[in-house]
């Protein structure tokens, strides 16, 4: 019999499989799609030779995380190669101004001084603050919540930081991005620089909880840079799969799980869509929590109280939607500020009020007129992703409606993404053209992936939510995904849950896979 069966091959499922197989566990990973990796896919979707990360691209969390620390040598042996970037991100504004963050404190301060000299001291103070908080925050991100270990970390933080500083941290956890940036910066450019990172997750500027991510990511870019995968993010998936196989583990693609088998109140195996039954001592579901009720029996095999807890997961809320646009380019965009050509991410929001309007419109079902754009230029650091002299652009459109009720600009008709995706992508390219004149003439090919397409690729990306569930405080930290399903355990014995719908949330980190592997091993 198998020791562990894992449903789903996202970064957390593969991380758990790699760690457990390295401990001698007999592991099987089942994936419903034709390729492993979940939201990590690298494909030639525009033209031959142009390698696009379809969804996730930034591997910084994994590179600095616990799975990499535990398996570094083995993963490198199986082909894992990172490409670091010392110029991780910048924000470009309509008047041609640009603020670029680089892995050099003095240079970043000089960049800020050109645009917002009055905010340099605040940036320096926040840099110091991250240095003070990092030894306490980062261990917490890798620890089960709630747990005795987490209490020990918080107690140590209290001893080192003191009551006032700890209360300031708690205050930041509850702040919105707007409140945080208003408190620390005076220029609209610097406020936007930080607040845009909240839009990467599910935090419009006025949503409680966004401050922490705006703080960590904006300053973290300066301190840690960015890490990409050589040739595409898929290099990480390939290395994990190679490691699992070398340890005697097995992976099967094109294998959909229909049901988790319950006997005497315990999970004992699964039944595939083809009718095959596979038994295992432990089951790990690398599955969006909202999809779990469909995998568990409702025929009286579980106690009524447990069934009630299972049904609660239907209330697990997705974040707002995302569109991905992939471009094969003849050359890099000629941004209105040419220095932007040197950065891996270019943010176009442009300002906090526009972000707030975008979020409000999307939440109300309206297509935003000028959504926040996260534009990846991976070939700046990794030219191997395109033919010599050519480039690719990775465009993430944040945020979009889960259900379309109309267009905030009153132009686009249609209520489904299949009807309007290309028309809306045209709007995005037109918006980009104002920041990068001549871009349209440089496009060799385009591939648009609407929120509906994201869910087609991966059912866990419900309605195009790329985050595995909203990260708002009501279902984050020790409440993720919700009471009764915390600490990667479930109400069903021998059944565990991992993925971005569990703590520590979204991103290519593998943190929840590491935690669930520790539980089982």
Protein backbone atom coordinates (compact mmCIF):
# COMPACT_ATOMS: atom_id res chain seq x y z
CA UNK A 1 0.00 0.00 0.00
CA UNK A 2 1.07 3.57 -0.65
CA UNK A 3 2.21 5.66 2.28
CA UNK A 4 0.93 8.92 0.78
CA UNK A 5 -1.33 9.74 -2.16
CA UNK A 6 -1.38 13.37 -3.29
CA UNK A 7 -4.26 14.82 -5.30
CA UNK A 8 -2.92 17.64 -7.47
CA UNK A 9 0.58 18.60 -8.58
CA UNK A 10 0.75 22.29 -7.75
CA UNK A 11 3.89 23.64 -6.12
CA UNK A 12 2.71 22.55 -2.67
CA UNK A 13 1.68 19.05 -3.71
CA UNK A 14 4.99 18.50 -5.50
CA UNK A 15 6.93 19.97 -2.57
CA UNK A 16 5.21 17.60 -0.14
CA UNK A 17 5.85 14.66 -2.47
CA UNK A 18 9.53 15.55 -2.86
CA UNK A 19 10.06 15.95 0.88
CA UNK A 20 8.16 12.79 1.83
CA UNK A 21 9.78 10.64 -0.85
CA UNK A 22 13.17 11.90 0.37
CA UNK A 23 12.21 10.48 3.78
CA UNK A 24 11.56 7.07 2.26
CA UNK A 25 7.78 7.35 1.95
CA UNK A 26 6.09 5.59 -0.96
CA UNK A 27 4.35 8.46 -2.76
CA UNK A 28 1.95 8.77 -5.70
CA UNK A 29 0.91 12.14 -7.21
CA UNK A 30 -2.23 12.28 -9.36
CA UNK A 31 -2.83 15.24 -11.69
CA UNK A 32 -6.00 15.77 -13.75
CA UNK A 33 -4.23 17.93 -16.35
CA UNK A 34 -1.86 16.72 -19.05
CA UNK A 35 1.10 18.51 -17.42
CA UNK A 36 2.35 18.74 -13.85
CA UNK A 37 2.84 21.99 -11.96
CA UNK A 38 -0.62 23.45 -11.39
CA UNK A 39 -0.33 27.21 -11.96
CA UNK A 40 3.31 26.83 -13.05
CA UNK A 41 3.25 26.19 -16.79
CA UNK A 42 5.81 27.22 -19.41
CA UNK A 43 4.67 26.79 -23.01
CA UNK A 44 5.23 28.11 -26.53
CA UNK A 45 1.73 29.57 -26.85
CA UNK A 46 2.54 32.37 -29.30
CA UNK A 47 5.32 31.29 -31.69
CA UNK A 48 7.97 28.53 -31.70
CA UNK A 49 10.96 29.45 -29.56
CA UNK A 50 9.05 31.91 -27.35
CA UNK A 51 8.71 30.30 -23.91
CA UNK A 52 5.96 31.91 -21.83
CA UNK A 53 5.15 31.32 -18.16
CA UNK A 54 1.40 31.04 -18.56
CA UNK A 55 0.54 31.95 -14.96
CA UNK A 56 3.13 32.18 -12.14
CA UNK A 57 6.60 33.45 -13.01
CA UNK A 58 8.26 34.84 -9.85
CA UNK A 59 10.10 32.05 -7.97
CA UNK A 60 11.58 34.24 -5.23
CA UNK A 61 9.49 32.71 -2.43
CA UNK A 62 10.62 29.21 -3.31
CA UNK A 63 14.27 30.20 -3.74
CA UNK A 64 14.33 31.62 -0.21
CA UNK A 65 11.98 29.09 1.39
CA UNK A 66 12.16 25.96 3.48
CA UNK A 67 11.69 23.43 0.67
CA UNK A 68 14.68 24.81 -1.21
CA UNK A 69 16.73 24.81 1.98
CA UNK A 70 15.89 21.15 2.59
CA UNK A 71 16.32 19.87 -0.99
CA UNK A 72 18.72 22.35 -2.61
CA UNK A 73 21.45 19.93 -3.69
CA UNK A 74 19.02 17.33 -5.03
CA UNK A 75 16.98 19.90 -6.97
CA UNK A 76 20.10 21.34 -8.57
CA UNK A 77 21.13 17.80 -9.56
CA UNK A 78 17.77 17.48 -11.31
CA UNK A 79 18.28 20.62 -13.36
CA UNK A 80 16.94 23.46 -11.23
CA UNK A 81 18.61 26.70 -12.24
CA UNK A 82 17.59 30.16 -11.08
CA UNK A 83 18.17 33.50 -12.79
CA UNK A 84 18.47 36.31 -10.22
CA UNK A 85 17.50 39.88 -11.01
CA UNK A 86 19.03 42.87 -9.27
CA UNK A 87 16.43 45.16 -10.85
CA UNK A 88 13.19 43.52 -9.74
CA UNK A 89 10.53 46.17 -10.35
CA UNK A 90 9.60 49.72 -11.21
CA UNK A 91 6.47 51.84 -11.53
CA UNK A 92 5.88 54.00 -14.59
CA UNK A 93 3.53 57.00 -14.56
CA UNK A 94 1.59 58.83 -17.31
CA UNK A 95 3.86 61.89 -17.25
CA UNK A 96 6.97 59.79 -17.93
CA UNK A 97 8.17 59.62 -14.35
CA UNK A 98 9.50 56.28 -13.13
CA UNK A 99 10.59 54.92 -9.77
CA UNK A 100 12.81 51.85 -9.96
CA UNK A 101 13.74 49.60 -7.04
CA UNK A 102 17.09 47.82 -7.31
CA UNK A 103 19.20 45.60 -5.04
CA UNK A 104 21.29 48.56 -3.98
CA UNK A 105 19.96 50.74 -1.19
CA UNK A 106 21.86 53.85 -2.20
CA UNK A 107 20.86 53.56 -5.85
CA UNK A 108 17.21 52.99 -4.94
CA UNK A 109 17.31 56.07 -2.72
CA UNK A 110 18.80 58.05 -5.60
CA UNK A 111 16.00 56.83 -7.88
CA UNK A 112 13.42 57.96 -5.34
CA UNK A 113 15.20 61.27 -4.80
CA UNK A 114 14.74 62.16 -8.49
CA UNK A 115 10.95 61.88 -8.20
CA UNK A 116 10.08 62.30 -4.53
CA UNK A 117 12.98 63.68 -2.47
CA UNK A 118 10.64 64.27 0.46
CA UNK A 119 10.04 60.49 0.74
CA UNK A 120 13.63 59.26 0.83
CA UNK A 121 13.87 59.33 4.62
CA UNK A 122 10.60 57.41 4.97
CA UNK A 123 11.91 54.74 2.58
CA UNK A 124 15.12 54.48 4.58
CA UNK A 125 13.13 54.14 7.81
CA UNK A 126 10.97 51.37 6.32
CA UNK A 127 14.12 49.57 5.16
CA UNK A 128 15.39 49.62 8.73
CA UNK A 129 11.97 48.48 9.95
CA UNK A 130 12.02 45.44 7.68
CA UNK A 131 15.44 44.53 9.00
CA UNK A 132 14.10 44.68 12.56
CA UNK A 133 10.90 42.74 11.84
CA UNK A 134 12.21 40.15 9.36
CA UNK A 135 13.73 37.79 11.98
CA UNK A 136 10.27 37.49 13.54
CA UNK A 137 7.95 37.77 10.54
CA UNK A 138 9.60 35.33 8.14
CA UNK A 139 9.75 32.41 10.61
CA UNK A 140 6.05 32.97 11.30
CA UNK A 141 5.28 32.60 7.58
CA UNK A 142 6.83 29.12 7.74
CA UNK A 143 5.04 28.01 10.90
CA UNK A 144 1.65 26.39 11.40
CA UNK A 145 -1.08 28.74 12.63
CA UNK A 146 -2.22 28.45 15.33
CA UNK A 147 0.49 26.44 17.07
CA UNK A 148 2.77 26.41 20.09
CA UNK A 149 5.67 27.15 17.73
CA UNK A 150 3.91 30.31 16.55
CA UNK A 151 3.30 31.38 20.14
CA UNK A 152 7.01 30.94 20.86
CA UNK A 153 7.91 33.11 17.86
CA UNK A 154 5.51 35.83 19.00
CA UNK A 155 6.80 35.61 22.57
CA UNK A 156 10.37 36.02 21.34
CA UNK A 157 9.26 38.97 19.21
CA UNK A 158 7.67 40.57 22.28
CA UNK A 159 10.88 40.05 24.27
CA UNK A 160 13.07 41.54 21.52
CA UNK A 161 10.82 44.25 20.09
CA UNK A 162 8.89 45.32 23.15
CA UNK A 163 5.18 45.92 23.52
CA UNK A 164 5.00 49.12 21.46
CA UNK A 165 6.77 47.69 18.41
CA UNK A 166 4.73 44.48 18.55
CA UNK A 167 1.51 46.50 18.70
CA UNK A 168 2.73 48.53 15.72
CA UNK A 169 3.17 45.28 13.80
CA UNK A 170 -0.36 44.18 14.71
CA UNK A 171 -1.60 47.59 13.60
CA UNK A 172 0.10 47.10 10.23
CA UNK A 173 -1.58 43.70 9.87
CA UNK A 174 -4.94 45.48 10.09
CA UNK A 175 -4.11 48.53 7.95
CA UNK A 176 -5.12 49.07 4.36
CA UNK A 177 -2.52 49.87 1.70
CA UNK A 178 -3.89 53.41 1.42
CA UNK A 179 -3.64 54.03 5.16
CA UNK A 180 -0.11 52.63 5.21
CA UNK A 181 1.14 54.65 2.25
CA UNK A 182 -0.59 57.84 3.41
CA UNK A 183 1.14 57.44 6.75
CA UNK A 184 4.63 57.00 5.34
CA UNK A 185 4.77 58.82 1.99
CA UNK A 186 3.63 62.17 0.65
CA UNK A 187 4.15 61.82 -3.11
CA UNK A 188 1.49 60.03 -5.20
CA UNK A 189 4.23 58.11 -7.01
CA UNK A 190 5.67 56.52 -3.86
CA UNK A 191 2.22 55.73 -2.53
CA UNK A 192 1.45 53.93 -5.79
CA UNK A 193 4.82 52.15 -5.82
CA UNK A 194 3.97 50.38 -2.56
CA UNK A 195 0.19 50.01 -2.93
CA UNK A 196 0.49 48.22 -6.27
CA UNK A 197 1.88 45.19 -4.45
CA UNK A 198 -1.41 44.86 -2.59
CA UNK A 199 -3.13 44.51 -5.97
CA UNK A 200 -0.91 41.51 -6.73
CA UNK A 201 -2.92 39.78 -4.03
CA UNK A 202 -6.54 40.55 -3.25
CA UNK A 203 -6.02 43.92 -1.62
CA UNK A 204 -7.51 47.01 -3.16
CA UNK A 205 -6.08 50.13 -1.51
CA UNK A 206 -8.95 50.38 0.98
CA UNK A 207 -9.12 46.71 2.04
CA UNK A 208 -7.96 45.94 5.57
CA UNK A 209 -4.81 43.81 5.64
CA UNK A 210 -3.13 45.13 2.51
CA UNK A 211 -0.45 47.14 4.32
CA UNK A 212 1.68 44.15 5.29
CA UNK A 213 2.09 42.96 1.70
CA UNK A 214 2.70 46.45 0.37
CA UNK A 215 5.44 46.83 2.98
CA UNK A 216 7.07 43.41 2.60
CA UNK A 217 7.09 43.31 -1.20
CA UNK A 218 8.06 46.91 -1.90
CA UNK A 219 11.01 46.95 0.51
CA UNK A 220 11.73 43.25 -0.03
CA UNK A 221 12.47 43.87 -3.70
CA UNK A 222 15.32 46.15 -2.69
CA UNK A 223 16.66 43.71 -0.11
CA UNK A 224 16.25 40.39 -1.94
CA UNK A 225 15.70 41.14 -5.63
CA UNK A 226 13.72 38.70 -7.77
CA UNK A 227 14.34 35.15 -8.91
CA UNK A 228 13.15 33.57 -12.17
CA UNK A 229 13.57 30.05 -13.50
CA UNK A 230 16.13 29.53 -16.26
CA UNK A 231 14.22 29.01 -19.50
CA UNK A 232 10.88 29.33 -17.70
CA UNK A 233 9.29 28.57 -14.33
CA UNK A 234 8.70 24.99 -15.49
CA UNK A 235 12.34 24.25 -14.65
CA UNK A 236 11.23 24.12 -11.00
CA UNK A 237 8.42 21.66 -11.76
CA UNK A 238 10.75 19.45 -13.79
CA UNK A 239 13.32 19.37 -10.99
CA UNK A 240 10.73 18.45 -8.35
CA UNK A 241 9.25 15.73 -10.56
CA UNK A 242 12.71 14.36 -11.31
CA UNK A 243 13.55 14.27 -7.62
CA UNK A 244 10.30 12.49 -6.74
CA UNK A 245 10.91 9.83 -9.39
CA UNK A 246 14.52 9.31 -8.33
CA UNK A 247 13.25 8.64 -4.80
CA UNK A 248 10.92 5.93 -6.08
CA UNK A 249 7.81 8.11 -6.20
CA UNK A 250 5.29 8.00 -9.02
CA UNK A 251 3.45 10.77 -10.87
CA UNK A 252 0.45 10.30 -13.15
CA UNK A 253 -0.99 13.00 -15.40
CA UNK A 254 -4.42 12.91 -17.07
CA UNK A 255 -5.82 11.21 -13.97
CA UNK A 256 -8.85 12.89 -12.45
CA UNK A 257 -9.91 11.99 -8.91
CA UNK A 258 -13.66 11.58 -8.59
CA UNK A 259 -13.98 10.69 -4.91
CA UNK A 260 -12.02 10.34 -1.68
CA UNK A 261 -12.93 6.96 -0.18
CA UNK A 262 -14.00 6.97 3.46
CA UNK A 263 -14.14 3.86 5.65
CA UNK A 264 -14.98 3.97 9.37
CA UNK A 265 -14.60 7.74 9.37
CA UNK A 266 -11.10 7.65 7.86
CA UNK A 267 -9.75 8.51 4.41
CA UNK A 268 -8.32 5.28 2.98
CA UNK A 269 -7.94 6.00 -0.73
CA UNK A 270 -9.42 7.55 -3.85
CA UNK A 271 -11.51 6.58 -6.84
CA UNK A 272 -10.51 7.97 -10.23
CA UNK A 273 -12.86 9.07 -12.98
CA UNK A 274 -12.05 5.82 -14.80
CA UNK A 275 -13.17 3.78 -11.77
CA UNK A 276 -9.73 2.79 -10.47
CA UNK A 277 -9.46 2.55 -6.69
CA UNK A 278 -6.10 3.37 -5.09
CA UNK A 279 -5.53 2.91 -1.36
CA UNK A 280 -3.08 4.86 0.81
CA UNK A 281 -2.37 5.41 4.49
CA UNK A 282 -2.57 9.20 4.10
CA UNK A 283 -4.23 11.44 1.52
CA UNK A 284 -3.06 14.99 0.78
CA UNK A 285 -5.43 17.14 -1.26
CA UNK A 286 -3.57 19.92 -3.09
CA UNK A 287 -6.99 21.29 -3.98
CA UNK A 288 -8.84 24.59 -3.66
CA UNK A 289 -10.85 24.22 -0.41
CA UNK A 290 -14.08 25.17 -2.19
CA UNK A 291 -13.75 22.03 -4.35
CA UNK A 292 -13.35 19.62 -1.44
CA UNK A 293 -17.08 19.02 -0.75
CA UNK A 294 -17.46 17.52 -4.24
CA UNK A 295 -14.69 14.99 -3.49
CA UNK A 296 -16.09 13.80 -0.18
CA UNK A 297 -19.08 11.46 0.24
CA UNK A 298 -22.46 12.80 1.29
CA UNK A 299 -24.10 9.40 1.81
CA UNK A 300 -23.85 9.11 5.59
CA UNK A 301 -20.31 7.71 5.78
CA UNK A 302 -19.31 10.68 7.90
CA UNK A 303 -20.91 12.03 11.05
CA UNK A 304 -23.42 14.89 10.58
CA UNK A 305 -21.14 17.33 12.40
CA UNK A 306 -18.27 16.54 10.02
CA UNK A 307 -20.56 16.86 7.01
CA UNK A 308 -21.57 20.29 8.29
CA UNK A 309 -17.91 21.33 8.46
CA UNK A 310 -17.34 20.03 4.94
CA UNK A 311 -20.30 22.01 3.62
CA UNK A 312 -18.86 25.17 5.19
CA UNK A 313 -16.09 25.08 2.59
CA UNK A 314 -18.61 26.03 -0.07
CA UNK A 315 -18.43 29.50 1.51
CA UNK A 316 -14.68 29.81 0.89
CA UNK A 317 -14.48 32.98 -1.20
CA UNK A 318 -12.35 33.41 -4.30
CA UNK A 319 -10.33 36.52 -4.90
CA UNK A 320 -11.16 38.67 -7.91
CA UNK A 321 -10.23 37.51 -11.40
CA UNK A 322 -7.08 37.79 -13.48
CA UNK A 323 -6.36 37.90 -17.20
CA UNK A 324 -3.01 36.91 -18.67
CA UNK A 325 -1.77 38.31 -21.98
CA UNK A 326 1.38 36.87 -23.53
CA UNK A 327 3.23 38.71 -26.28
CA UNK A 328 6.01 37.62 -28.60
CA UNK A 329 7.91 40.81 -29.44
CA UNK A 330 10.37 41.92 -32.04
CA UNK A 331 12.07 44.02 -29.37
CA UNK A 332 11.52 45.27 -25.82
CA UNK A 333 8.89 48.00 -25.39
CA UNK A 334 10.11 51.57 -25.72
CA UNK A 335 8.68 52.85 -22.45
CA UNK A 336 8.09 56.57 -22.07
CA UNK A 337 10.90 56.30 -19.56
CA UNK A 338 13.54 54.16 -21.26
CA UNK A 339 15.06 53.06 -17.94
CA UNK A 340 12.02 50.80 -17.45
CA UNK A 341 13.47 48.48 -20.11
CA UNK A 342 16.00 47.26 -17.53
CA UNK A 343 13.49 45.92 -14.97
CA UNK A 344 11.84 42.51 -14.66
CA UNK A 345 8.49 43.90 -13.53
CA UNK A 346 6.93 47.13 -14.75
CA UNK A 347 3.89 48.28 -12.75
CA UNK A 348 1.24 50.49 -14.30
CA UNK A 349 -1.61 51.42 -11.96
CA UNK A 350 -0.99 54.35 -12.19
CA UNK A 351 -2.04 55.90 -8.83
CA UNK A 352 -3.81 54.78 -5.64
CA UNK A 353 -7.18 56.29 -6.55
CA UNK A 354 -7.18 54.48 -9.91
CA UNK A 355 -6.39 51.20 -8.13
CA UNK A 356 -9.29 51.77 -5.75
CA UNK A 357 -11.63 52.47 -8.66
CA UNK A 358 -10.44 49.36 -10.50
CA UNK A 359 -11.03 47.19 -7.44
CA UNK A 360 -14.48 48.66 -6.77
CA UNK A 361 -15.58 48.25 -10.38
CA UNK A 362 -14.33 44.66 -10.58
CA UNK A 363 -15.99 43.72 -7.29
CA UNK A 364 -19.26 45.13 -8.66
CA UNK A 365 -18.93 43.07 -11.84
CA UNK A 366 -17.83 45.93 -14.09
CA UNK A 367 -14.90 45.70 -16.49
CA UNK A 368 -12.32 48.25 -15.31
CA UNK A 369 -11.39 50.91 -17.85
CA UNK A 370 -7.76 51.12 -16.69
CA UNK A 371 -6.91 48.06 -14.58
CA UNK A 372 -3.63 47.63 -12.76
CA UNK A 373 -1.03 45.95 -14.97
CA UNK A 374 1.89 43.84 -13.80
CA UNK A 375 4.15 43.55 -16.83
CA UNK A 376 6.90 40.97 -16.76
CA UNK A 377 9.96 41.38 -18.98
CA UNK A 378 11.66 38.04 -18.26
CA UNK A 379 13.97 38.19 -21.27
CA UNK A 380 15.72 41.17 -19.67
CA UNK A 381 17.33 38.67 -17.27
CA UNK A 382 16.84 35.43 -19.19
CA UNK A 383 17.27 35.83 -22.97
CA UNK A 384 17.03 32.04 -23.39
CA UNK A 385 13.23 32.35 -23.33
CA UNK A 386 13.07 33.82 -26.85
CA UNK A 387 14.99 33.55 -30.14
CA UNK A 388 18.10 35.71 -30.31
CA UNK A 389 17.26 39.40 -30.30
CA UNK A 390 13.55 38.78 -29.62
CA UNK A 391 11.59 39.18 -26.40
CA UNK A 392 8.45 38.15 -24.58
CA UNK A 393 6.06 40.13 -22.42
CA UNK A 394 4.08 38.63 -19.52
CA UNK A 395 1.06 40.81 -18.72
CA UNK A 396 -1.09 40.17 -15.66
CA UNK A 397 -4.30 42.21 -15.53
CA UNK A 398 -5.45 42.93 -11.96
CA UNK A 399 -8.28 42.82 -10.96
CA UNK A 400 -11.30 41.62 -12.95
CA UNK A 401 -14.92 40.61 -12.22
CA UNK A 402 -15.85 37.10 -11.19
CA UNK A 403 -19.17 37.64 -12.98
CA UNK A 404 -19.43 40.34 -15.66
CA UNK A 405 -22.39 42.71 -15.28
CA UNK A 406 -21.17 45.45 -17.61
CA UNK A 407 -18.33 47.71 -18.69
CA UNK A 408 -17.33 50.69 -16.55
CA UNK A 409 -16.43 52.53 -19.77
CA UNK A 410 -19.80 51.68 -21.34
CA UNK A 411 -18.20 50.36 -24.54
CA UNK A 412 -17.76 46.57 -24.42
CA UNK A 413 -20.92 44.51 -24.73
CA UNK A 414 -21.24 40.90 -23.59
CA UNK A 415 -21.45 39.11 -20.26
CA UNK A 416 -19.06 36.18 -20.73
CA UNK A 417 -15.29 36.10 -21.10
CA UNK A 418 -15.57 33.83 -24.13
CA UNK A 419 -17.43 36.66 -25.88
CA UNK A 420 -15.27 39.60 -24.90
CA UNK A 421 -11.78 38.38 -23.92
CA UNK A 422 -10.00 39.50 -27.09
CA UNK A 423 -11.85 42.82 -27.16
CA UNK A 424 -10.85 43.49 -23.57
CA UNK A 425 -7.26 42.45 -24.33
CA UNK A 426 -7.30 45.03 -27.14
CA UNK A 427 -8.17 47.65 -24.50
CA UNK A 428 -5.18 46.58 -22.41
CA UNK A 429 -2.82 46.86 -25.38
CA UNK A 430 -4.21 50.31 -26.20
CA UNK A 431 -3.62 51.37 -22.59
CA UNK A 432 -0.08 50.01 -22.78
CA UNK A 433 0.57 51.88 -26.01
CA UNK A 434 0.29 55.18 -24.11
CA UNK A 435 3.15 54.05 -21.84
CA UNK A 436 5.15 52.28 -24.55
CA UNK A 437 4.55 54.05 -27.89
CA UNK A 438 4.96 51.75 -30.86
CA UNK A 439 4.33 48.57 -28.86
CA UNK A 440 1.59 47.36 -31.21
CA UNK A 441 3.96 47.44 -34.17
CA UNK A 442 6.44 45.23 -32.27
CA UNK A 443 3.95 42.44 -31.50
CA UNK A 444 4.68 39.28 -33.49
CA UNK A 445 1.95 37.19 -31.84
CA UNK A 446 -0.43 37.35 -28.88
CA UNK A 447 -2.09 34.81 -26.63
CA UNK A 448 -4.90 35.92 -24.33
CA UNK A 449 -5.95 33.82 -21.34
CA UNK A 450 -9.18 35.10 -19.82
CA UNK A 451 -10.30 34.32 -16.25
CA UNK A 452 -12.44 31.55 -17.76
CA UNK A 453 -9.38 30.16 -19.56
CA UNK A 454 -7.44 30.12 -16.28
CA UNK A 455 -10.11 27.92 -14.72
CA UNK A 456 -10.12 25.66 -17.79
CA UNK A 457 -6.38 25.13 -17.43
CA UNK A 458 -6.66 24.56 -13.69
CA UNK A 459 -10.01 24.03 -11.88
CA UNK A 460 -8.42 25.36 -8.68
CA UNK A 461 -8.31 28.84 -10.27
CA UNK A 462 -12.02 29.33 -9.67
CA UNK A 463 -13.50 32.01 -11.97
CA UNK A 464 -9.99 33.17 -12.77
CA UNK A 465 -8.89 33.76 -9.18
CA UNK A 466 -5.16 33.12 -9.45
CA UNK A 467 -4.61 33.21 -5.67
CA UNK A 468 -6.45 30.09 -4.50
CA UNK A 469 -8.98 32.12 -2.52
CA UNK A 470 -9.29 35.64 -1.18
CA UNK A 471 -6.59 36.68 1.30
CA UNK A 472 -8.83 39.06 3.22
CA UNK A 473 -8.46 38.77 7.02
CA UNK A 474 -11.63 36.67 7.47
CA UNK A 475 -9.96 33.74 5.69
CA UNK A 476 -6.27 34.33 6.23
CA UNK A 477 -3.63 33.63 8.88
CA UNK A 478 -5.07 31.17 11.45
CA UNK A 479 -8.48 31.30 9.73
CA UNK A 480 -7.29 29.90 6.39
CA UNK A 481 -9.24 28.36 4.86
CA UNK A 482 -11.75 28.49 7.74
CA UNK A 483 -12.30 27.24 11.30
CA UNK A 484 -12.27 23.44 11.45
CA UNK A 485 -9.85 23.19 8.52
CA UNK A 486 -6.78 24.91 9.93
CA UNK A 487 -3.20 23.63 10.34
CA UNK A 488 -3.52 21.58 7.11
CA UNK A 489 -5.68 19.05 8.88
CA UNK A 490 -9.28 18.24 8.03
CA UNK A 491 -12.19 16.88 10.08
CA UNK A 492 -11.57 13.53 8.32
CA UNK A 493 -8.80 11.37 9.75
CA UNK A 494 -5.79 10.71 7.49
CA UNK A 495 -6.90 13.47 5.09
CA UNK A 496 -4.74 16.59 4.82
CA UNK A 497 -5.08 19.80 2.83
CA UNK A 498 -2.38 21.93 1.24
CA UNK A 499 -2.15 24.60 -1.43
CA UNK A 500 -2.64 28.34 -1.67
CA UNK A 501 -6.06 27.98 -0.05
CA UNK A 502 -4.26 27.09 3.19
CA UNK A 503 -1.71 28.97 5.29
CA UNK A 504 0.61 30.69 4.27
CA UNK A 505 -1.48 31.47 1.18
CA UNK A 506 -0.67 32.19 -2.45
CA UNK A 507 2.64 32.46 -4.26
CA UNK A 508 5.20 29.95 -5.51
CA UNK A 509 6.71 29.10 -2.14
CA UNK A 510 5.82 25.51 -1.28
CA UNK A 511 5.26 26.51 2.35
CA UNK A 512 2.07 24.57 2.95
CA UNK A 513 3.56 21.52 1.24
CA UNK A 514 6.46 21.71 3.68
CA UNK A 515 4.11 21.97 6.66
CA UNK A 516 1.92 19.04 5.66
CA UNK A 517 5.01 16.92 4.93
CA UNK A 518 6.22 17.59 8.47
CA UNK A 519 2.83 16.52 9.84
CA UNK A 520 2.97 13.18 8.05
CA UNK A 521 6.67 12.40 8.38
